[in-house]
């Protein structure tokens, strides 16, 4: 059984095997914010932090690394719950005291592959950016899609070898750039 603990504003995820004769609590991840909404998808444990960030960890790793998947960072919206059905994640977002929304997205579009660029010798820079993302190391032109923090498609296109992606028309916030069938790279438009 996995559960959260919060003490003095610092959260952690722990586990306990309740079938053991003498159950022992084992910490899985420490140093989190206020942590809620634990949900599994395969080996990935998804959770919300501080009502603003959807994160995940692979619980099979000996030292699980926290991967921030989605952030609602404008100070007004909050992530109030998540539910996973199949390969879709449903995110309940409270917009203000009276309004809210439930957003459905495939989990694959929300996964960030930080190793993608390193494993493929592809570089994305600068990050943050205010006008263009330079892409170098491509062998051929590739299709891309840019998603907002809620996983909604913002625009798509094709980037050429050593080409640039024009992001000048985007509002200042966090986005995800997905190349073909690879994971997404997080970037910030400032």
C-alpha atoms as a PDB file:
ATOM      1  CA  UNK A   1       0.000   0.000   0.000  1.00  0.00           C
ATOM      2  CA  UNK A   2       1.343   3.418  -1.012  1.00  0.00           C
ATOM      3  CA  UNK A   3       0.430   6.556   0.933  1.00  0.00           C
ATOM      4  CA  UNK A   4       1.496  10.146   1.503  1.00  0.00           C
ATOM      5  CA  UNK A   5       2.793  11.806   4.628  1.00  0.00           C
ATOM      6  CA  UNK A   6       3.212  15.532   5.215  1.00  0.00           C
ATOM      7  CA  UNK A   7       5.121  17.029   8.125  1.00  0.00           C
ATOM      8  CA  UNK A   8       5.959  20.718   8.486  1.00  0.00           C
ATOM      9  CA  UNK A   9       4.951  21.331   4.857  1.00  0.00           C
ATOM     10  CA  UNK A  10       7.313  18.680   3.445  1.00  0.00           C
ATOM     11  CA  UNK A  11       5.703  15.653   1.857  1.00  0.00           C
ATOM     12  CA  UNK A  12       6.819  12.152   1.037  1.00  0.00           C
ATOM     13  CA  UNK A  13       5.427   8.987  -0.474  1.00  0.00           C
ATOM     14  CA  UNK A  14       5.855   5.830   1.536  1.00  0.00           C
ATOM     15  CA  UNK A  15       4.796   2.214   1.225  1.00  0.00           C
ATOM     16  CA  UNK A  16       3.939  -0.590   3.587  1.00  0.00           C
ATOM     17  CA  UNK A  17       3.336  -4.274   2.932  1.00  0.00           C
ATOM     18  CA  UNK A  18       0.291  -4.973   5.091  1.00  0.00           C
ATOM     19  CA  UNK A  19       0.596  -8.727   4.456  1.00  0.00           C
ATOM     20  CA  UNK A  20       3.857  -8.865   6.447  1.00  0.00           C
ATOM     21  CA  UNK A  21       3.744 -10.176  10.002  1.00  0.00           C
ATOM     22  CA  UNK A  22       5.445  -6.990  11.162  1.00  0.00           C
ATOM     23  CA  UNK A  23       4.662  -4.319   8.559  1.00  0.00           C
ATOM     24  CA  UNK A  24       7.425  -1.750   8.086  1.00  0.00           C
ATOM     25  CA  UNK A  25       7.057   1.670   6.481  1.00  0.00           C
ATOM     26  CA  UNK A  26       9.525   2.326   3.667  1.00  0.00           C
ATOM     27  CA  UNK A  27       9.989   5.785   2.153  1.00  0.00           C
ATOM     28  CA  UNK A  28       9.787   5.805  -1.651  1.00  0.00           C
ATOM     29  CA  UNK A  29      10.254   9.536  -2.390  1.00  0.00           C
ATOM     30  CA  UNK A  30      11.153  12.342   0.029  1.00  0.00           C
ATOM     31  CA  UNK A  31      11.290  16.134  -0.177  1.00  0.00           C
ATOM     32  CA  UNK A  32       7.973  16.700  -1.936  1.00  0.00           C
ATOM     33  CA  UNK A  33       5.445  19.449  -1.465  1.00  0.00           C
ATOM     34  CA  UNK A  34       1.944  18.690  -0.214  1.00  0.00           C
ATOM     35  CA  UNK A  35       1.276  15.425  -2.050  1.00  0.00           C
ATOM     36  CA  UNK A  36      -2.118  13.962  -2.946  1.00  0.00           C
ATOM     37  CA  UNK A  37      -3.973  11.788  -5.478  1.00  0.00           C
ATOM     38  CA  UNK A  38      -1.769   8.714  -5.837  1.00  0.00           C
ATOM     39  CA  UNK A  39      -2.638   6.777  -9.013  1.00  0.00           C
ATOM     40  CA  UNK A  40      -0.772   3.949 -10.764  1.00  0.00           C
ATOM     41  CA  UNK A  41      -0.261   3.383 -14.476  1.00  0.00           C
ATOM     42  CA  UNK A  42       2.018   0.371 -14.931  1.00  0.00           C
ATOM     43  CA  UNK A  43       5.126   0.980 -12.832  1.00  0.00           C
ATOM     44  CA  UNK A  44       4.549   4.735 -12.815  1.00  0.00           C
ATOM     45  CA  UNK A  45       2.981   6.295  -9.744  1.00  0.00           C
ATOM     46  CA  UNK A  46       1.293   9.602 -10.638  1.00  0.00           C
ATOM     47  CA  UNK A  47       0.555  12.186  -7.933  1.00  0.00           C
ATOM     48  CA  UNK A  48      -0.180  15.874  -7.487  1.00  0.00           C
ATOM     49  CA  UNK A  49       2.016  18.282  -5.544  1.00  0.00           C
ATOM     50  CA  UNK A  50       0.958  21.583  -4.008  1.00  0.00           C
ATOM     51  CA  UNK A  51      -2.298  21.454  -6.028  1.00  0.00           C
ATOM     52  CA  UNK A  52      -0.364  22.693  -9.075  1.00  0.00           C
ATOM     53  CA  UNK A  53       1.947  19.958 -10.403  1.00  0.00           C
ATOM     54  CA  UNK A  54       1.224  16.481 -11.727  1.00  0.00           C
ATOM     55  CA  UNK A  55       4.322  14.341 -11.218  1.00  0.00           C
ATOM     56  CA  UNK A  56       5.281  10.692 -11.544  1.00  0.00           C
ATOM     57  CA  UNK A  57       7.917   8.240 -10.358  1.00  0.00           C
ATOM     58  CA  UNK A  58       8.815   4.753 -11.536  1.00  0.00           C
ATOM     59  CA  UNK A  59       8.433   2.730  -8.334  1.00  0.00           C
ATOM     60  CA  UNK A  60      10.615  -0.117  -9.672  1.00  0.00           C
ATOM     61  CA  UNK A  61      13.719   2.098  -9.608  1.00  0.00           C
ATOM     62  CA  UNK A  62      15.956   1.782  -6.559  1.00  0.00           C
ATOM     63  CA  UNK A  63      16.082   5.582  -6.300  1.00  0.00           C
ATOM     64  CA  UNK A  64      12.966   6.845  -8.093  1.00  0.00           C
ATOM     65  CA  UNK A  65      13.427  10.141  -9.939  1.00  0.00           C
ATOM     66  CA  UNK A  66      10.546  12.615  -9.830  1.00  0.00           C
ATOM     67  CA  UNK A  67       9.357  13.653 -13.285  1.00  0.00           C
ATOM     68  CA  UNK A  68       7.091  16.697 -13.441  1.00  0.00           C
ATOM     69  CA  UNK A  69       4.529  15.923 -16.118  1.00  0.00           C
ATOM     70  CA  UNK A  70       2.216  18.931 -15.975  1.00  0.00           C
ATOM     71  CA  UNK A  71       2.148  22.218 -14.085  1.00  0.00           C
ATOM     72  CA  UNK A  72      -0.694  24.678 -13.673  1.00  0.00           C
ATOM     73  CA  UNK A  73       1.367  27.632 -12.539  1.00  0.00           C
ATOM     74  CA  UNK A  74      -0.773  30.740 -12.805  1.00  0.00           C
ATOM     75  CA  UNK A  75      -1.674  30.778  -9.104  1.00  0.00           C
ATOM     76  CA  UNK A  76      -5.435  30.548  -9.645  1.00  0.00           C
ATOM     77  CA  UNK A  77      -6.063  27.107 -11.149  1.00  0.00           C
ATOM     78  CA  UNK A  78      -5.504  24.007  -9.038  1.00  0.00           C
ATOM     79  CA  UNK A  79      -5.302  20.317  -9.807  1.00  0.00           C
ATOM     80  CA  UNK A  80      -7.923  18.806  -7.557  1.00  0.00           C
ATOM     81  CA  UNK A  81      -7.926  15.150  -8.674  1.00  0.00           C
ATOM     82  CA  UNK A  82      -6.630  12.702 -11.254  1.00  0.00           C
ATOM     83  CA  UNK A  83      -8.072   9.427 -12.485  1.00  0.00           C
ATOM     84  CA  UNK A  84      -6.416   7.005 -14.886  1.00  0.00           C
ATOM     85  CA  UNK A  85      -8.569   4.858 -17.169  1.00  0.00           C
ATOM     86  CA  UNK A  86      -6.619   2.684 -19.590  1.00  0.00           C
ATOM     87  CA  UNK A  87      -4.029   4.922 -21.245  1.00  0.00           C
ATOM     88  CA  UNK A  88      -5.931   8.137 -20.552  1.00  0.00           C
ATOM     89  CA  UNK A  89      -5.576  10.434 -17.586  1.00  0.00           C
ATOM     90  CA  UNK A  90      -8.490  12.592 -16.482  1.00  0.00           C
ATOM     91  CA  UNK A  91      -7.439  15.743 -14.663  1.00  0.00           C
ATOM     92  CA  UNK A  92      -9.903  17.727 -12.569  1.00  0.00           C
ATOM     93  CA  UNK A  93      -8.908  21.381 -12.565  1.00  0.00           C
ATOM     94  CA  UNK A  94     -10.546  23.932 -10.292  1.00  0.00           C
ATOM     95  CA  UNK A  95     -10.513  27.278 -12.072  1.00  0.00           C
ATOM     96  CA  UNK A  96     -12.024  29.392  -9.315  1.00  0.00           C
ATOM     97  CA  UNK A  97     -14.492  28.980  -6.468  1.00  0.00           C
ATOM     98  CA  UNK A  98     -17.408  28.223  -8.814  1.00  0.00           C
ATOM     99  CA  UNK A  99     -15.917  26.848 -12.025  1.00  0.00           C
ATOM    100  CA  UNK A 100     -13.850  23.844 -12.963  1.00  0.00           C
ATOM    101  CA  UNK A 101     -13.051  21.518 -15.806  1.00  0.00           C
ATOM    102  CA  UNK A 102     -12.177  17.905 -16.408  1.00  0.00           C
ATOM    103  CA  UNK A 103      -9.550  17.415 -19.079  1.00  0.00           C
ATOM    104  CA  UNK A 104      -8.819  14.052 -20.725  1.00  0.00           C
ATOM    105  CA  UNK A 105      -5.444  13.352 -22.289  1.00  0.00           C
ATOM    106  CA  UNK A 106      -3.561  10.283 -23.423  1.00  0.00           C
ATOM    107  CA  UNK A 107      -0.739   9.558 -21.007  1.00  0.00           C
ATOM    108  CA  UNK A 108       1.720   9.235 -23.896  1.00  0.00           C
ATOM    109  CA  UNK A 109       1.400  12.937 -24.810  1.00  0.00           C
ATOM    110  CA  UNK A 110       2.156  13.928 -21.229  1.00  0.00           C
ATOM    111  CA  UNK A 111       5.314  11.889 -20.801  1.00  0.00           C
ATOM    112  CA  UNK A 112       8.547  13.834 -20.960  1.00  0.00           C
ATOM    113  CA  UNK A 113      11.586  12.045 -22.375  1.00  0.00           C
ATOM    114  CA  UNK A 114      14.559  13.985 -21.026  1.00  0.00           C
ATOM    115  CA  UNK A 115      16.901  11.329 -22.428  1.00  0.00           C
ATOM    116  CA  UNK A 116      15.540  11.709 -25.972  1.00  0.00           C
ATOM    117  CA  UNK A 117      17.934  14.476 -26.985  1.00  0.00           C
ATOM    118  CA  UNK A 118      20.944  12.837 -25.337  1.00  0.00           C
ATOM    119  CA  UNK A 119      20.266   9.397 -26.844  1.00  0.00           C
ATOM    120  CA  UNK A 120      19.723  10.776 -30.346  1.00  0.00           C
ATOM    121  CA  UNK A 121      22.378  13.556 -30.387  1.00  0.00           C
ATOM    122  CA  UNK A 122      19.596  16.054 -31.021  1.00  0.00           C
ATOM    123  CA  UNK A 123      19.894  19.421 -29.318  1.00  0.00           C
ATOM    124  CA  UNK A 124      17.090  21.882 -28.557  1.00  0.00           C
ATOM    125  CA  UNK A 125      18.122  25.408 -27.547  1.00  0.00           C
ATOM    126  CA  UNK A 126      17.784  27.962 -26.114  1.00  0.00           C
ATOM    127  CA  UNK A 127      15.495  26.969 -23.277  1.00  0.00           C
ATOM    128  CA  UNK A 128      13.843  29.211 -22.124  1.00  0.00           C
ATOM    129  CA  UNK A 129      13.311  31.016 -25.415  1.00  0.00           C
ATOM    130  CA  UNK A 130      11.401  34.042 -26.606  1.00  0.00           C
ATOM    131  CA  UNK A 131      11.420  33.568 -30.383  1.00  0.00           C
ATOM    132  CA  UNK A 132      12.844  30.335 -31.841  1.00  0.00           C
ATOM    133  CA  UNK A 133      13.890  26.862 -30.740  1.00  0.00           C
ATOM    134  CA  UNK A 134      16.965  25.801 -32.664  1.00  0.00           C
ATOM    135  CA  UNK A 135      17.024  22.066 -33.437  1.00  0.00           C
ATOM    136  CA  UNK A 136      20.356  20.518 -34.397  1.00  0.00           C
ATOM    137  CA  UNK A 137      21.496  16.965 -34.951  1.00  0.00           C
ATOM    138  CA  UNK A 138      18.580  15.754 -37.063  1.00  0.00           C
ATOM    139  CA  UNK A 139      19.450  13.383 -39.890  1.00  0.00           C
ATOM    140  CA  UNK A 140      16.345  14.408 -41.850  1.00  0.00           C
ATOM    141  CA  UNK A 141      13.414  16.756 -41.413  1.00  0.00           C
ATOM    142  CA  UNK A 142      10.914  15.603 -38.780  1.00  0.00           C
ATOM    143  CA  UNK A 143       7.315  16.331 -37.902  1.00  0.00           C
ATOM    144  CA  UNK A 144       6.687  17.914 -34.512  1.00  0.00           C
ATOM    145  CA  UNK A 145       3.737  18.903 -32.332  1.00  0.00           C
ATOM    146  CA  UNK A 146       3.736  21.543 -29.587  1.00  0.00           C
ATOM    147  CA  UNK A 147       1.386  20.928 -26.631  1.00  0.00           C
ATOM    148  CA  UNK A 148       0.388  23.265 -23.802  1.00  0.00           C
ATOM    149  CA  UNK A 149       0.568  22.250 -20.130  1.00  0.00           C
ATOM    150  CA  UNK A 150      -2.878  20.661 -20.317  1.00  0.00           C
ATOM    151  CA  UNK A 151      -1.779  18.445 -23.202  1.00  0.00           C
ATOM    152  CA  UNK A 152      -3.826  20.285 -25.834  1.00  0.00           C
ATOM    153  CA  UNK A 153      -2.185  20.592 -29.248  1.00  0.00           C
ATOM    154  CA  UNK A 154      -1.120  24.193 -29.909  1.00  0.00           C
ATOM    155  CA  UNK A 155       0.462  23.795 -33.362  1.00  0.00           C
ATOM    156  CA  UNK A 156       2.406  21.347 -35.477  1.00  0.00           C
ATOM    157  CA  UNK A 157       4.839  21.435 -38.345  1.00  0.00           C
ATOM    158  CA  UNK A 158       8.011  20.033 -39.830  1.00  0.00           C
ATOM    159  CA  UNK A 159      11.486  21.112 -38.768  1.00  0.00           C
ATOM    160  CA  UNK A 160      14.344  20.718 -41.236  1.00  0.00           C
ATOM    161  CA  UNK A 161      17.856  19.511 -40.503  1.00  0.00           C
ATOM    162  CA  UNK A 162      19.450  22.166 -38.265  1.00  0.00           C
ATOM    163  CA  UNK A 163      16.201  24.146 -38.510  1.00  0.00           C
ATOM    164  CA  UNK A 164      14.312  26.475 -36.198  1.00  0.00           C
ATOM    165  CA  UNK A 165      10.811  26.280 -34.760  1.00  0.00           C
ATOM    166  CA  UNK A 166       9.131  29.685 -34.529  1.00  0.00           C
ATOM    167  CA  UNK A 167       7.464  30.120 -31.122  1.00  0.00           C
ATOM    168  CA  UNK A 168       7.079  33.926 -31.192  1.00  0.00           C
ATOM    169  CA  UNK A 169       3.265  33.724 -31.344  1.00  0.00           C
ATOM    170  CA  UNK A 170       3.019  31.564 -28.212  1.00  0.00           C
ATOM    171  CA  UNK A 171       2.045  33.113 -24.897  1.00  0.00           C
ATOM    172  CA  UNK A 172       4.641  33.037 -22.124  1.00  0.00           C
ATOM    173  CA  UNK A 173       4.299  29.672 -20.380  1.00  0.00           C
ATOM    174  CA  UNK A 174       5.550  26.073 -20.384  1.00  0.00           C
ATOM    175  CA  UNK A 175       5.085  23.862 -23.456  1.00  0.00           C
ATOM    176  CA  UNK A 176       6.017  20.387 -24.648  1.00  0.00           C
ATOM    177  CA  UNK A 177       7.647  19.704 -28.009  1.00  0.00           C
ATOM    178  CA  UNK A 178       7.073  16.194 -29.327  1.00  0.00           C
ATOM    179  CA  UNK A 179       9.116  14.944 -32.276  1.00  0.00           C
ATOM    180  CA  UNK A 180       7.413  12.145 -34.275  1.00  0.00           C
ATOM    181  CA  UNK A 181       6.795   9.159 -31.973  1.00  0.00           C
ATOM    182  CA  UNK A 182       9.319  10.175 -29.312  1.00  0.00           C
ATOM    183  CA  UNK A 183       8.672  11.530 -25.848  1.00  0.00           C
ATOM    184  CA  UNK A 184       8.153  15.239 -25.314  1.00  0.00           C
ATOM    185  CA  UNK A 185      10.788  17.826 -24.453  1.00  0.00           C
ATOM    186  CA  UNK A 186       9.641  20.530 -22.028  1.00  0.00           C
ATOM    187  CA  UNK A 187      10.445  24.144 -22.952  1.00  0.00           C
ATOM    188  CA  UNK A 188       9.550  27.552 -21.611  1.00  0.00           C
ATOM    189  CA  UNK A 189       8.436  30.488 -23.745  1.00  0.00           C
ATOM    190  CA  UNK A 190       9.338  33.806 -22.069  1.00  0.00           C
END
